């Protein structure tokens, strides 16, 4: 006990505990008990006095402070949510700004996401809603739309939804970025036939609304849905390319190129929740690398989770994709490197081996959550990922060339698009063939909450054991090297 009281914790440990306490505070705020006092500022002053000592008392103050801060952030969002709850189940008239271009969804309705919601009585609602309805042929990003219909609770990070609404575009606000994105999509359609064009847009910027339902179902059955959803993998490809091109010449140039590519990618792909999450994780890793600091993957994941939860507490309360993203990040950034340490020398450079290990680790972390919420799983996801994911960087490059060719030089676009056509056809053919293997997609599987938490407890225990073993091995190597150096100096 005395050793624990005297122990000096690292600053990274304080950050880890603080981010975790903040997330727990946001989660508990959903219980409905509001915490709006500012007493935690007094705790902040006391924390500043104890912070330099990094003792167990500092850990306690960090938990109280960060937990209260998260609870208060969630409480403010709960107050804003009450404006929606009073109108659920009632017909409302509102105006909102479209976040993305509309697509045709179920029952021939035009569907899109909207924000900056203003009710007919002048009250402004926070957050995002989903609008689906009739009355207009097209809605583009930035358009201001008037809608009327019955309001229902939204799914995930959406605070509300209206179906079969009466829609009317009141004003257009076109942007240069949105115009370039639409012209690029049209160029892709000119260069490649369907469904290859829609599949290419899914690989590049995560646009999958135009992909045929049969293709999306086949990708789901073989565990390849993640390749048409913008994730950290897309950003990893670009950041890796920037390091190879400029990393040996200048660290500053490499960082600027990486940030520039990330900014362009965010503009073209949009600022959806999954893209923002991947960008935050990438920016934190870039910043740590620029200043020459090694980062702990768990701290990186929890910091990104805390930042996104601060921006929108609804992620913690109801967004399944938010949990899947960070579970996959945990598998790829933390569990996979621990397993790679146990490979034979030389296997680290094998793309197939690395893709297989990362796919297995991401599957291990996300599968219990998927079984609990959806009750389905693919038995052929690992071979499908090995056959397809290793070719995604080349497919993205060829698809980019095809889209630019269709956008700028239509006369020769067909010839320049041949490499992309071959690769994309191969990927879809692999998904089609594997999806027709009998009994590879299981549905209606049940996993209770306690069973899911038990599986994650076992996974956390095994991960901790691997981490401790790796730490001991590294310490033993350092000790051996230092002893050999001292013996050589003595001789």
Protein backbone atom coordinates (compact mmCIF):
# COMPACT_ATOMS: atom_id res chain seq x y z
CA UNK A 1 0.00 0.00 0.00
CA UNK A 2 2.80 2.42 0.87
CA UNK A 3 4.52 1.63 -2.43
CA UNK A 4 1.29 2.48 -4.28
CA UNK A 5 0.93 5.78 -2.41
CA UNK A 6 4.53 6.75 -3.21
CA UNK A 7 4.49 5.55 -6.81
CA UNK A 8 5.00 8.29 -9.41
CA UNK A 9 2.77 7.68 -12.43
CA UNK A 10 3.74 8.75 -15.91
CA UNK A 11 1.98 11.59 -17.67
CA UNK A 12 0.76 9.21 -20.37
CA UNK A 13 -0.98 7.19 -17.66
CA UNK A 14 -2.77 10.34 -16.48
CA UNK A 15 -3.92 11.03 -20.05
CA UNK A 16 -5.16 7.46 -20.44
CA UNK A 17 -7.09 7.53 -17.17
CA UNK A 18 -8.49 10.99 -17.93
CA UNK A 19 -9.78 10.02 -21.40
CA UNK A 20 -11.36 6.85 -20.04
CA UNK A 21 -13.03 8.75 -17.17
CA UNK A 22 -14.34 11.36 -19.61
CA UNK A 23 -15.90 8.66 -21.81
CA UNK A 24 -17.50 7.01 -18.79
CA UNK A 25 -18.86 10.38 -17.67
CA UNK A 26 -20.44 10.98 -21.07
CA UNK A 27 -21.94 7.50 -21.00
CA UNK A 28 -23.45 7.87 -17.53
CA UNK A 29 -24.94 11.25 -18.48
CA UNK A 30 -27.41 9.37 -20.67
CA UNK A 31 -29.08 8.09 -17.49
CA UNK A 32 -30.88 11.43 -17.31
CA UNK A 33 -29.32 12.78 -14.12
CA UNK A 34 -28.06 16.21 -15.13
CA UNK A 35 -24.81 17.62 -13.77
CA UNK A 36 -24.49 21.28 -14.70
CA UNK A 37 -22.58 22.77 -11.79
CA UNK A 38 -19.15 24.25 -12.28
CA UNK A 39 -17.69 22.92 -9.06
CA UNK A 40 -15.19 20.85 -10.97
CA UNK A 41 -13.22 24.06 -11.63
CA UNK A 42 -12.29 23.96 -7.95
CA UNK A 43 -11.09 20.41 -8.50
CA UNK A 44 -9.00 21.72 -11.41
CA UNK A 45 -7.23 24.19 -9.13
CA UNK A 46 -6.51 21.43 -6.63
CA UNK A 47 -5.32 19.22 -9.48
CA UNK A 48 -2.84 21.85 -10.67
CA UNK A 49 -1.26 21.75 -7.21
CA UNK A 50 -0.98 17.94 -7.20
CA UNK A 51 -0.29 17.42 -10.91
CA UNK A 52 3.49 17.62 -10.79
CA UNK A 53 3.71 14.84 -8.21
CA UNK A 54 1.85 12.31 -10.39
CA UNK A 55 0.85 10.31 -7.32
CA UNK A 56 -2.17 8.10 -6.70
CA UNK A 57 -4.01 11.18 -5.44
CA UNK A 58 -3.41 12.82 -8.80
CA UNK A 59 -5.01 9.80 -10.48
CA UNK A 60 -8.06 10.19 -8.23
CA UNK A 61 -8.34 13.91 -9.03
CA UNK A 62 -8.04 13.17 -12.77
CA UNK A 63 -10.85 10.62 -12.54
CA UNK A 64 -13.12 13.04 -10.67
CA UNK A 65 -12.31 15.99 -12.92
CA UNK A 66 -12.50 14.21 -16.28
CA UNK A 67 -15.56 12.19 -15.26
CA UNK A 68 -17.40 15.32 -14.14
CA UNK A 69 -16.37 17.13 -17.31
CA UNK A 70 -17.71 14.27 -19.46
CA UNK A 71 -20.91 14.10 -17.42
CA UNK A 72 -21.48 17.81 -17.87
CA UNK A 73 -20.84 17.60 -21.64
CA UNK A 74 -23.36 14.79 -21.88
CA UNK A 75 -25.85 16.69 -19.71
CA UNK A 76 -25.83 19.66 -22.09
CA UNK A 77 -26.56 17.32 -24.99
CA UNK A 78 -29.39 15.67 -23.05
CA UNK A 79 -30.97 19.09 -22.55
CA UNK A 80 -30.76 19.75 -26.28
CA UNK A 81 -32.24 16.33 -26.99
CA UNK A 82 -35.36 17.22 -25.01
CA UNK A 83 -36.40 19.56 -27.81
CA UNK A 84 -36.58 16.52 -30.10
CA UNK A 85 -38.29 14.26 -27.60
CA UNK A 86 -41.20 16.66 -27.22
CA UNK A 87 -41.85 16.43 -30.98
CA UNK A 88 -41.33 12.72 -31.65
CA UNK A 89 -44.46 11.22 -33.21
CA UNK A 90 -45.82 14.62 -34.33
CA UNK A 91 -45.92 16.28 -37.73
CA UNK A 92 -43.37 19.10 -37.95
CA UNK A 93 -42.37 21.67 -40.56
CA UNK A 94 -38.73 22.64 -40.72
CA UNK A 95 -35.90 23.97 -42.82
CA UNK A 96 -32.46 22.38 -42.92
CA UNK A 97 -29.23 22.39 -44.93
CA UNK A 98 -28.25 19.22 -46.81
CA UNK A 99 -24.93 17.75 -45.64
CA UNK A 100 -24.47 15.52 -48.69
CA UNK A 101 -25.92 14.89 -52.14
CA UNK A 102 -29.23 13.04 -52.04
CA UNK A 103 -29.67 9.52 -53.38
CA UNK A 104 -32.76 7.45 -54.11
CA UNK A 105 -33.48 5.11 -51.23
CA UNK A 106 -36.35 2.87 -50.18
CA UNK A 107 -39.68 3.13 -51.99
CA UNK A 108 -38.24 5.60 -54.54
CA UNK A 109 -37.73 8.28 -51.90
CA UNK A 110 -34.93 10.79 -52.23
CA UNK A 111 -32.80 10.58 -49.07
CA UNK A 112 -30.11 12.77 -47.55
CA UNK A 113 -28.66 14.00 -44.25
CA UNK A 114 -29.30 17.52 -42.98
CA UNK A 115 -28.18 19.86 -40.21
CA UNK A 116 -28.86 23.45 -39.06
CA UNK A 117 -32.47 22.44 -38.42
CA UNK A 118 -34.87 25.38 -37.96
CA UNK A 119 -38.50 24.69 -36.99
CA UNK A 120 -41.41 26.72 -38.35
CA UNK A 121 -41.90 28.33 -34.93
CA UNK A 122 -38.33 29.69 -35.01
CA UNK A 123 -36.73 27.17 -32.62
CA UNK A 124 -33.39 25.77 -33.75
CA UNK A 125 -32.56 22.11 -33.16
CA UNK A 126 -29.05 20.77 -32.71
CA UNK A 127 -27.49 17.77 -34.39
CA UNK A 128 -28.31 15.94 -37.60
CA UNK A 129 -31.47 14.38 -39.01
CA UNK A 130 -32.27 12.01 -41.88
CA UNK A 131 -34.77 13.25 -44.45
CA UNK A 132 -36.53 11.05 -47.02
CA UNK A 133 -39.44 12.05 -49.20
CA UNK A 134 -40.83 13.35 -52.46
CA UNK A 135 -41.35 16.64 -54.27
CA UNK A 136 -37.89 17.34 -55.74
CA UNK A 137 -35.78 15.59 -58.35
CA UNK A 138 -32.40 16.26 -56.72
CA UNK A 139 -30.87 17.78 -53.58
CA UNK A 140 -27.20 18.75 -53.55
CA UNK A 141 -24.83 19.43 -50.70
CA UNK A 142 -25.40 22.92 -49.28
CA UNK A 143 -28.99 23.24 -50.52
CA UNK A 144 -31.52 24.61 -48.06
CA UNK A 145 -34.59 22.41 -47.99
CA UNK A 146 -38.06 22.85 -46.49
CA UNK A 147 -39.60 19.59 -45.25
CA UNK A 148 -42.79 18.57 -43.46
CA UNK A 149 -43.67 15.17 -42.05
CA UNK A 150 -43.82 13.08 -38.89
CA UNK A 151 -40.64 13.16 -36.81
CA UNK A 152 -39.27 9.93 -35.32
CA UNK A 153 -36.16 9.13 -33.23
CA UNK A 154 -33.06 8.74 -35.36
CA UNK A 155 -30.60 5.89 -35.60
CA UNK A 156 -27.00 6.04 -34.43
CA UNK A 157 -25.63 9.59 -34.36
CA UNK A 158 -28.81 11.06 -35.87
CA UNK A 159 -31.20 12.85 -33.53
CA UNK A 160 -34.26 12.44 -35.73
CA UNK A 161 -35.63 11.17 -39.04
CA UNK A 162 -38.56 11.97 -41.28
CA UNK A 163 -39.81 9.58 -43.96
CA UNK A 164 -42.30 10.31 -46.75
CA UNK A 165 -41.75 14.01 -46.20
CA UNK A 166 -42.88 16.77 -48.54
CA UNK A 167 -39.66 18.37 -49.75
CA UNK A 168 -38.99 21.71 -51.39
CA UNK A 169 -35.61 23.27 -52.17
CA UNK A 170 -35.73 26.92 -51.12
CA UNK A 171 -32.19 27.94 -52.13
CA UNK A 172 -29.04 26.52 -53.71
CA UNK A 173 -25.58 27.08 -52.26
CA UNK A 174 -23.15 25.23 -54.55
CA UNK A 175 -19.54 24.84 -53.45
CA UNK A 176 -16.41 24.31 -55.52
CA UNK A 177 -15.44 21.14 -53.64
CA UNK A 178 -18.88 19.57 -54.11
CA UNK A 179 -18.83 20.50 -57.80
CA UNK A 180 -15.40 18.87 -58.28
CA UNK A 181 -16.59 15.75 -56.46
CA UNK A 182 -19.65 15.46 -58.73
CA UNK A 183 -17.56 16.02 -61.87
CA UNK A 184 -15.12 13.35 -60.72
CA UNK A 185 -18.00 10.91 -60.13
CA UNK A 186 -19.34 11.68 -63.62
CA UNK A 187 -15.87 11.09 -65.05
CA UNK A 188 -15.73 7.72 -63.32
CA UNK A 189 -19.07 6.82 -64.84
CA UNK A 190 -17.70 7.75 -68.29
CA UNK A 191 -14.57 5.62 -67.87
CA UNK A 192 -15.94 2.49 -66.23
CA UNK A 193 -19.18 0.51 -66.58
CA UNK A 194 -21.42 -0.29 -63.66
CA UNK A 195 -21.00 -1.65 -61.05
CA UNK A 196 -17.27 -1.03 -61.44
CA UNK A 197 -17.66 2.77 -61.38
CA UNK A 198 -19.66 2.74 -58.14
CA UNK A 199 -17.26 0.22 -56.63
CA UNK A 200 -14.31 2.47 -57.51
CA UNK A 201 -16.00 5.45 -55.86
CA UNK A 202 -16.54 3.29 -52.77
CA UNK A 203 -12.83 2.43 -52.64
CA UNK A 204 -11.71 6.04 -53.10
CA UNK A 205 -14.11 8.12 -51.03
CA UNK A 206 -16.49 5.64 -49.39
CA UNK A 207 -19.44 6.46 -51.65
CA UNK A 208 -21.53 3.29 -51.64
CA UNK A 209 -25.07 4.59 -52.02
CA UNK A 210 -25.02 3.94 -55.78
CA UNK A 211 -23.61 0.42 -55.47
CA UNK A 212 -26.18 -2.25 -56.46
CA UNK A 213 -27.76 -4.03 -53.47
CA UNK A 214 -26.63 -7.43 -54.77
CA UNK A 215 -22.97 -6.33 -54.78
CA UNK A 216 -23.25 -4.86 -51.28
CA UNK A 217 -24.80 -8.09 -50.03
CA UNK A 218 -21.97 -10.18 -51.53
CA UNK A 219 -19.35 -7.94 -49.93
CA UNK A 220 -21.17 -8.26 -46.60
CA UNK A 221 -21.31 -12.05 -46.84
CA UNK A 222 -17.54 -12.37 -47.40
CA UNK A 223 -16.51 -9.72 -44.84
CA UNK A 224 -15.37 -7.05 -47.31
CA UNK A 225 -17.82 -4.26 -46.54
CA UNK A 226 -15.05 -2.25 -44.87
CA UNK A 227 -13.22 -1.69 -48.19
CA UNK A 228 -16.05 0.52 -49.49
CA UNK A 229 -16.30 2.50 -46.27
CA UNK A 230 -13.73 5.23 -45.74
CA UNK A 231 -11.58 4.19 -42.81
CA UNK A 232 -8.10 4.53 -41.44
CA UNK A 233 -6.86 2.18 -44.14
CA UNK A 234 -7.42 4.76 -46.89
CA UNK A 235 -5.53 7.40 -44.94
CA UNK A 236 -2.78 4.93 -44.09
CA UNK A 237 -2.16 4.37 -47.79
CA UNK A 238 -1.77 8.09 -48.47
CA UNK A 239 0.36 8.76 -45.41
CA UNK A 240 2.61 5.83 -46.21
CA UNK A 241 3.08 7.12 -49.75
CA UNK A 242 4.00 10.60 -48.50
CA UNK A 243 6.60 9.16 -46.12
CA UNK A 244 8.19 7.10 -48.89
CA UNK A 245 8.30 10.07 -51.25
CA UNK A 246 9.59 12.76 -48.92
CA UNK A 247 10.40 11.10 -45.59
CA UNK A 248 14.11 10.60 -46.37
CA UNK A 249 14.54 14.18 -47.61
CA UNK A 250 12.75 16.22 -44.99
CA UNK A 251 10.58 15.37 -42.01
CA UNK A 252 8.84 18.73 -42.26
CA UNK A 253 8.11 18.25 -45.96
CA UNK A 254 6.78 14.76 -45.33
CA UNK A 255 4.49 16.08 -42.57
CA UNK A 256 3.19 18.94 -44.73
CA UNK A 257 2.51 16.59 -47.64
CA UNK A 258 0.68 14.16 -45.33
CA UNK A 259 -1.47 16.93 -43.85
CA UNK A 260 -2.19 18.35 -47.30
CA UNK A 261 -3.26 14.97 -48.64
CA UNK A 262 -5.43 14.46 -45.59
CA UNK A 263 -7.09 17.85 -46.08
CA UNK A 264 -7.82 17.15 -49.75
CA UNK A 265 -9.16 13.72 -48.85
CA UNK A 266 -11.51 15.20 -46.24
CA UNK A 267 -12.78 17.78 -48.70
CA UNK A 268 -13.48 15.26 -51.45
CA UNK A 269 -14.76 12.41 -49.31
CA UNK A 270 -16.82 14.61 -46.99
CA UNK A 271 -16.76 14.95 -43.22
CA UNK A 272 -18.71 11.87 -42.22
CA UNK A 273 -18.20 10.43 -38.75
CA UNK A 274 -15.99 7.53 -39.92
CA UNK A 275 -13.74 9.85 -41.94
CA UNK A 276 -13.33 12.30 -39.07
CA UNK A 277 -12.46 9.47 -36.67
CA UNK A 278 -9.79 8.15 -39.02
CA UNK A 279 -8.43 11.67 -39.57
CA UNK A 280 -8.13 12.34 -35.84
CA UNK A 281 -6.20 9.10 -35.24
CA UNK A 282 -3.93 9.87 -38.22
CA UNK A 283 -3.30 13.47 -37.10
CA UNK A 284 -2.39 12.38 -33.58
CA UNK A 285 0.09 9.81 -34.94
CA UNK A 286 1.56 12.38 -37.37
CA UNK A 287 2.02 14.91 -34.57
CA UNK A 288 3.74 12.37 -32.34
CA UNK A 289 6.05 11.30 -35.17
CA UNK A 290 6.91 14.88 -36.11
CA UNK A 291 8.09 15.73 -32.60
CA UNK A 292 9.98 12.44 -32.36
CA UNK A 293 7.78 10.94 -29.69
CA UNK A 294 6.66 7.35 -29.61
CA UNK A 295 2.97 7.03 -28.83
CA UNK A 296 1.11 4.30 -27.02
CA UNK A 297 -1.68 2.94 -29.25
CA UNK A 298 -4.14 2.69 -26.37
CA UNK A 299 -3.60 6.37 -25.48
CA UNK A 300 -4.03 7.31 -29.14
CA UNK A 301 -7.30 5.39 -29.42
CA UNK A 302 -8.74 6.77 -26.17
CA UNK A 303 -7.75 10.34 -27.05
CA UNK A 304 -9.47 10.06 -30.44
CA UNK A 305 -12.53 8.53 -28.77
CA UNK A 306 -12.66 11.35 -26.19
CA UNK A 307 -12.34 14.03 -28.88
CA UNK A 308 -15.16 12.57 -30.98
CA UNK A 309 -17.32 12.03 -27.88
CA UNK A 310 -16.81 15.67 -26.92
CA UNK A 311 -17.87 16.76 -30.42
CA UNK A 312 -20.97 14.54 -30.36
CA UNK A 313 -21.92 12.59 -27.20
CA UNK A 314 -24.54 10.71 -29.23
CA UNK A 315 -21.68 8.57 -30.56
CA UNK A 316 -21.21 7.06 -27.11
CA UNK A 317 -24.92 6.58 -26.53
CA UNK A 318 -26.16 5.03 -29.74
CA UNK A 319 -23.71 4.97 -32.67
CA UNK A 320 -22.75 1.37 -33.45
CA UNK A 321 -20.26 2.40 -36.13
CA UNK A 322 -18.37 4.49 -33.53
CA UNK A 323 -17.78 1.41 -31.39
CA UNK A 324 -16.88 -0.76 -34.39
CA UNK A 325 -14.32 1.81 -35.56
CA UNK A 326 -12.44 1.95 -32.28
CA UNK A 327 -12.64 -1.78 -31.72
CA UNK A 328 -11.05 -2.28 -35.13
CA UNK A 329 -8.43 0.40 -34.30
CA UNK A 330 -7.62 -1.51 -31.11
CA UNK A 331 -7.14 -4.74 -33.02
CA UNK A 332 -4.95 -3.22 -35.74
CA UNK A 333 -2.90 -0.76 -33.64
CA UNK A 334 -2.45 -2.71 -30.42
CA UNK A 335 -3.20 -6.42 -30.77
CA UNK A 336 -1.66 -6.96 -34.23
CA UNK A 337 1.80 -5.55 -33.31
CA UNK A 338 1.92 -7.82 -30.26
CA UNK A 339 1.33 -10.84 -32.48
CA UNK A 340 3.79 -9.60 -35.11
CA UNK A 341 6.52 -9.56 -32.44
CA UNK A 342 6.19 -13.33 -32.26
CA UNK A 343 6.71 -13.95 -35.99
CA UNK A 344 9.85 -15.39 -37.45
CA UNK A 345 12.40 -12.87 -38.73
CA UNK A 346 11.61 -11.78 -42.26
CA UNK A 347 7.88 -12.42 -42.06
CA UNK A 348 7.26 -8.81 -41.03
CA UNK A 349 7.93 -7.68 -44.60
CA UNK A 350 5.31 -9.97 -46.13
CA UNK A 351 2.23 -7.99 -47.19
CA UNK A 352 0.07 -11.14 -47.16
CA UNK A 353 1.13 -12.03 -43.61
CA UNK A 354 0.55 -8.50 -42.31
CA UNK A 355 -2.87 -8.22 -43.98
CA UNK A 356 -3.84 -11.60 -42.55
CA UNK A 357 -2.78 -10.71 -39.00
CA UNK A 358 -4.46 -7.29 -39.08
CA UNK A 359 -7.65 -8.82 -40.49
CA UNK A 360 -7.68 -11.51 -37.80
CA UNK A 361 -7.12 -8.95 -35.01
CA UNK A 362 -9.81 -6.60 -36.32
CA UNK A 363 -12.16 -9.57 -36.60
CA UNK A 364 -11.40 -10.70 -33.05
CA UNK A 365 -12.22 -7.27 -31.65
CA UNK A 366 -15.37 -6.55 -33.67
CA UNK A 367 -16.95 -10.01 -33.89
CA UNK A 368 -18.50 -10.15 -30.35
CA UNK A 369 -20.01 -6.69 -30.82
CA UNK A 370 -21.39 -7.63 -34.25
CA UNK A 371 -22.85 -10.88 -32.93
CA UNK A 372 -24.51 -9.03 -30.04
CA UNK A 373 -26.05 -6.32 -32.24
CA UNK A 374 -26.64 -8.05 -35.60
CA UNK A 375 -26.35 -11.77 -34.94
CA UNK A 376 -24.41 -12.50 -38.13
CA UNK A 377 -20.86 -13.41 -39.16
CA UNK A 378 -18.84 -14.49 -42.20
CA UNK A 379 -16.74 -17.67 -42.04
CA UNK A 380 -14.68 -16.76 -45.09
CA UNK A 381 -13.61 -13.21 -44.23
CA UNK A 382 -9.92 -14.01 -43.72
CA UNK A 383 -9.20 -15.56 -47.17
CA UNK A 384 -11.37 -12.92 -48.82
CA UNK A 385 -9.34 -10.13 -47.21
CA UNK A 386 -6.03 -11.75 -48.17
CA UNK A 387 -7.16 -12.14 -51.81
CA UNK A 388 -8.57 -8.62 -52.13
CA UNK A 389 -7.16 -6.18 -49.57
CA UNK A 390 -3.54 -6.62 -50.68
CA UNK A 391 -4.49 -5.14 -54.09
CA UNK A 392 -6.46 -2.15 -52.77
CA UNK A 393 -3.57 0.40 -52.95
CA UNK A 394 -2.99 -0.40 -56.62
CA UNK A 395 -6.74 -0.46 -57.29
CA UNK A 396 -7.15 2.98 -55.68
CA UNK A 397 -4.37 4.43 -57.83
CA UNK A 398 -5.78 2.94 -61.05
CA UNK A 399 -9.31 4.09 -60.12
CA UNK A 400 -8.03 7.61 -59.51
CA UNK A 401 -6.42 7.62 -62.96
CA UNK A 402 -9.64 6.35 -64.52
CA UNK A 403 -11.76 9.02 -62.81
CA UNK A 404 -9.40 11.85 -63.78
CA UNK A 405 -9.25 10.55 -67.35
CA UNK A 406 -13.03 10.53 -67.62
CA UNK A 407 -13.14 13.98 -66.08
CA UNK A 408 -10.44 15.61 -68.26
CA UNK A 409 -9.85 13.50 -71.40
CA UNK A 410 -13.01 11.62 -72.32
CA UNK A 411 -11.70 10.53 -75.73
CA UNK A 412 -9.00 8.26 -74.26
CA UNK A 413 -10.62 7.56 -70.89
CA UNK A 414 -11.58 4.03 -71.88
CA UNK A 415 -7.98 3.09 -72.66
CA UNK A 416 -6.58 4.64 -69.49
CA UNK A 417 -9.23 2.88 -67.40
CA UNK A 418 -8.26 -0.66 -68.47
CA UNK A 419 -5.97 -1.37 -65.45
CA UNK A 420 -8.69 -0.26 -63.06
CA UNK A 421 -11.26 -2.31 -64.95
CA UNK A 422 -9.16 -5.48 -64.65
CA UNK A 423 -8.45 -5.04 -60.93
CA UNK A 424 -11.99 -4.05 -59.95
CA UNK A 425 -13.47 -6.92 -61.95
CA UNK A 426 -11.16 -9.35 -60.18
CA UNK A 427 -12.19 -8.04 -56.74
CA UNK A 428 -15.91 -8.26 -57.46
CA UNK A 429 -15.50 -11.71 -59.02
CA UNK A 430 -13.70 -12.94 -55.88
CA UNK A 431 -16.52 -11.59 -53.70
CA UNK A 432 -19.14 -13.13 -56.03
CA UNK A 433 -17.51 -16.58 -56.07
CA UNK A 434 -16.86 -16.71 -52.32
CA UNK A 435 -20.34 -15.42 -51.50
CA UNK A 436 -21.85 -18.45 -53.25
CA UNK A 437 -19.92 -20.96 -51.13
CA UNK A 438 -22.58 -22.76 -49.07
CA UNK A 439 -22.98 -21.96 -45.37
CA UNK A 440 -20.29 -19.27 -45.17
CA UNK A 441 -22.62 -16.55 -43.86
CA UNK A 442 -24.33 -17.29 -40.57
CA UNK A 443 -27.35 -15.30 -39.41
CA UNK A 444 -29.68 -15.14 -36.41
CA UNK A 445 -26.90 -15.88 -33.96
CA UNK A 446 -27.48 -14.76 -30.39
CA UNK A 447 -24.94 -13.27 -27.99
CA UNK A 448 -26.10 -11.63 -24.77
CA UNK A 449 -24.56 -8.53 -23.25
CA UNK A 450 -22.92 -10.52 -20.45
CA UNK A 451 -21.45 -12.99 -22.94
CA UNK A 452 -20.09 -10.16 -25.06
CA UNK A 453 -18.50 -8.46 -22.05
CA UNK A 454 -17.05 -11.79 -20.94
CA UNK A 455 -15.41 -12.34 -24.33
CA UNK A 456 -13.93 -8.84 -24.25
CA UNK A 457 -12.64 -9.46 -20.71
CA UNK A 458 -10.87 -12.61 -21.94
CA UNK A 459 -9.46 -10.70 -24.93
CA UNK A 460 -8.22 -7.89 -22.67
CA UNK A 461 -6.56 -10.40 -20.35
CA UNK A 462 -4.77 -12.15 -23.22
CA UNK A 463 -3.69 -8.79 -24.69
CA UNK A 464 -2.30 -7.71 -21.31
CA UNK A 465 -0.41 -10.99 -20.97
CA UNK A 466 1.12 -10.56 -24.44
CA UNK A 467 2.07 -6.96 -23.63
CA UNK A 468 3.75 -7.94 -20.36
CA UNK A 469 5.65 -10.75 -22.05
CA UNK A 470 6.82 -8.42 -24.82
CA UNK A 471 7.88 -5.84 -22.25
CA UNK A 472 9.92 -8.43 -20.33
CA UNK A 473 11.60 -9.63 -23.52
CA UNK A 474 12.58 -6.10 -24.51
CA UNK A 475 13.90 -5.40 -21.02
CA UNK A 476 15.94 -8.62 -21.14
CA UNK A 477 17.43 -7.63 -24.51
CA UNK A 478 18.36 -4.16 -23.22
CA UNK A 479 19.99 -5.71 -20.14
CA UNK A 480 21.92 -8.19 -22.28
CA UNK A 481 23.18 -5.45 -24.60
CA UNK A 482 24.24 -3.23 -21.70
CA UNK A 483 26.09 -6.11 -20.03
CA UNK A 484 27.88 -6.97 -23.27
CA UNK A 485 28.84 -3.31 -23.71
CA UNK A 486 30.18 -3.05 -20.14
CA UNK A 487 32.19 -6.27 -20.55
CA UNK A 488 33.66 -4.99 -23.79
CA UNK A 489 34.56 -1.65 -22.22
CA UNK A 490 36.21 -3.43 -19.29
CA UNK A 491 38.25 -5.66 -21.61
